Amino acid sequence: MLRPKLPDIPTPPTTTVTPQQTQAPASSAGHPVAPYVGVGVGAVAAVVVVGIVLTALLAAVAVSAVSVAIAAVVLRSLVSSAHKR
């Protein structure tokens, strides 16, 4: 019978663990740490404003759809009552 040959499992190499440095590098006195914070805040504000505008548009479409549905029901009832007379 034909049997597949499984590959040998390699043994992982032994490594020594060195502790990593946990201190942040010191920044220079004349250089700001985060020079683009103002741009980030402006971008976040723009995204929030666009979200609010899109939500308002969605609410306007929903209100319009409900009003059209109500008008259709009223017109349907008026037409059906006119045919019954």
C-alpha atoms as a PDB file:
ATOM      1  CA  MET A   1       0.000   0.000   0.000  1.00  0.00           C
ATOM      2  CA  LEU A   2       1.087   3.533  -0.613  1.00  0.00           C
ATOM      3  CA  ARG A   3       1.503   5.632   2.492  1.00  0.00           C
ATOM      4  CA  PRO A   4       2.386   9.318   2.516  1.00  0.00           C
ATOM      5  CA  LYS A   5       5.636  10.172   4.222  1.00  0.00           C
ATOM      6  CA  LEU A   6       5.197  12.863   6.834  1.00  0.00           C
ATOM      7  CA  PRO A   7       7.970  15.429   7.131  1.00  0.00           C
ATOM      8  CA  ASP A   8      10.149  15.433  10.217  1.00  0.00           C
ATOM      9  CA  ILE A   9       9.234  18.021  12.804  1.00  0.00           C
ATOM     10  CA  PRO A  10      12.181  20.376  13.263  1.00  0.00           C
ATOM     11  CA  THR A  11      13.152  21.232  16.815  1.00  0.00           C
ATOM     12  CA  PRO A  12      13.039  24.943  17.594  1.00  0.00           C
ATOM     13  CA  PRO A  13      16.403  26.536  18.295  1.00  0.00           C
ATOM     14  CA  THR A  14      17.068  27.570  21.869  1.00  0.00           C
ATOM     15  CA  THR A  15      17.327  31.307  22.349  1.00  0.00           C
ATOM     16  CA  THR A  16      18.100  33.438  25.343  1.00  0.00           C
ATOM     17  CA  VAL A  17      15.530  36.048  26.286  1.00  0.00           C
ATOM     18  CA  THR A  18      16.888  39.549  26.836  1.00  0.00           C
ATOM     19  CA  PRO A  19      14.783  42.089  28.733  1.00  0.00           C
ATOM     20  CA  GLN A  20      13.552  44.925  26.576  1.00  0.00           C
ATOM     21  CA  GLN A  21      13.991  48.568  27.418  1.00  0.00           C
ATOM     22  CA  THR A  22      10.763  50.077  28.760  1.00  0.00           C
ATOM     23  CA  GLN A  23      11.830  53.734  28.912  1.00  0.00           C
ATOM     24  CA  ALA A  24      10.738  56.122  26.204  1.00  0.00           C
ATOM     25  CA  PRO A  25      13.497  57.972  24.369  1.00  0.00           C
ATOM     26  CA  ALA A  26      14.097  61.484  25.585  1.00  0.00           C
ATOM     27  CA  SER A  27      12.893  64.181  23.196  1.00  0.00           C
ATOM     28  CA  SER A  28      14.911  67.241  22.406  1.00  0.00           C
ATOM     29  CA  ALA A  29      13.881  70.465  24.107  1.00  0.00           C
ATOM     30  CA  GLY A  30      13.220  72.414  20.879  1.00  0.00           C
ATOM     31  CA  HIS A  31      11.274  69.670  19.093  1.00  0.00           C
ATOM     32  CA  PRO A  32       7.585  69.151  19.886  1.00  0.00           C
ATOM     33  CA  VAL A  33       6.668  65.562  20.615  1.00  0.00           C
ATOM     34  CA  ALA A  34       3.527  65.519  18.449  1.00  0.00           C
ATOM     35  CA  PRO A  35       3.664  68.301  15.836  1.00  0.00           C
ATOM     36  CA  TYR A  36       0.603  67.055  13.923  1.00  0.00           C
ATOM     37  CA  VAL A  37      -1.898  67.012  16.784  1.00  0.00           C
ATOM     38  CA  GLY A  38      -3.684  70.077  15.399  1.00  0.00           C
ATOM     39  CA  VAL A  39      -4.176  68.411  12.029  1.00  0.00           C
ATOM     40  CA  GLY A  40      -5.551  65.292  13.716  1.00  0.00           C
ATOM     41  CA  VAL A  41      -8.061  67.296  15.741  1.00  0.00           C
ATOM     42  CA  GLY A  42      -9.210  69.103  12.594  1.00  0.00           C
ATOM     43  CA  ALA A  43      -9.626  65.842  10.756  1.00  0.00           C
ATOM     44  CA  VAL A  44     -11.622  64.341  13.620  1.00  0.00           C
ATOM     45  CA  ALA A  45     -13.830  67.429  13.726  1.00  0.00           C
ATOM     46  CA  ALA A  46     -14.417  67.192   9.974  1.00  0.00           C
ATOM     47  CA  VAL A  47     -15.380  63.524  10.253  1.00  0.00           C
ATOM     48  CA  VAL A  48     -17.791  64.307  13.089  1.00  0.00           C
ATOM     49  CA  VAL A  49     -19.406  67.135  11.107  1.00  0.00           C
ATOM     50  CA  VAL A  50     -19.775  64.950   8.011  1.00  0.00           C
ATOM     51  CA  GLY A  51     -21.306  62.213  10.175  1.00  0.00           C
ATOM     52  CA  ILE A  52     -23.820  64.640  11.656  1.00  0.00           C
ATOM     53  CA  VAL A  53     -24.783  65.957   8.202  1.00  0.00           C
ATOM     54  CA  LEU A  54     -25.227  62.452   6.788  1.00  0.00           C
ATOM     55  CA  THR A  55     -27.323  61.435   9.794  1.00  0.00           C
ATOM     56  CA  ALA A  56     -29.531  64.498   9.327  1.00  0.00           C
ATOM     57  CA  LEU A  57     -29.986  63.665   5.638  1.00  0.00           C
ATOM     58  CA  LEU A  58     -30.907  60.091   6.489  1.00  0.00           C
ATOM     59  CA  ALA A  59     -33.459  61.320   9.026  1.00  0.00           C
ATOM     60  CA  ALA A  60     -34.941  63.701   6.421  1.00  0.00           C
ATOM     61  CA  VAL A  61     -35.286  60.858   3.912  1.00  0.00           C
ATOM     62  CA  ALA A  62     -36.946  58.673   6.546  1.00  0.00           C
ATOM     63  CA  VAL A  63     -39.444  61.402   7.488  1.00  0.00           C
ATOM     64  CA  SER A  64     -40.218  62.006   3.806  1.00  0.00           C
ATOM     65  CA  ALA A  65     -40.794  58.283   3.246  1.00  0.00           C
ATOM     66  CA  VAL A  66     -43.174  58.086   6.204  1.00  0.00           C
ATOM     67  CA  SER A  67     -45.135  61.117   5.012  1.00  0.00           C
ATOM     68  CA  VAL A  68     -45.431  59.685   1.486  1.00  0.00           C
ATOM     69  CA  ALA A  69     -46.635  56.381   2.946  1.00  0.00           C
ATOM     70  CA  ILE A  70     -49.266  58.144   5.054  1.00  0.00           C
ATOM     71  CA  ALA A  71     -50.422  60.175   2.035  1.00  0.00           C
ATOM     72  CA  ALA A  72     -50.700  56.967  -0.008  1.00  0.00           C
ATOM     73  CA  VAL A  73     -52.837  55.302   2.674  1.00  0.00           C
ATOM     74  CA  VAL A  74     -55.125  58.338   2.905  1.00  0.00           C
ATOM     75  CA  LEU A  75     -55.515  58.561  -0.872  1.00  0.00           C
ATOM     76  CA  ARG A  76     -56.196  54.837  -1.085  1.00  0.00           C
ATOM     77  CA  SER A  77     -58.916  55.067   1.531  1.00  0.00           C
ATOM     78  CA  LEU A  78     -60.466  58.069  -0.229  1.00  0.00           C
ATOM     79  CA  VAL A  79     -60.483  56.316  -3.589  1.00  0.00           C
ATOM     80  CA  SER A  80     -61.922  53.106  -2.127  1.00  0.00           C
ATOM     81  CA  SER A  81     -64.662  54.982  -0.296  1.00  0.00           C
ATOM     82  CA  ALA A  82     -65.535  56.871  -3.495  1.00  0.00           C
ATOM     83  CA  HIS A  83     -65.950  53.600  -5.409  1.00  0.00           C
ATOM     84  CA  LYS A  84     -68.262  52.155  -2.727  1.00  0.00           C
ATOM     85  CA  ARG A  85     -70.770  54.978  -3.065  1.00  0.00           C
END
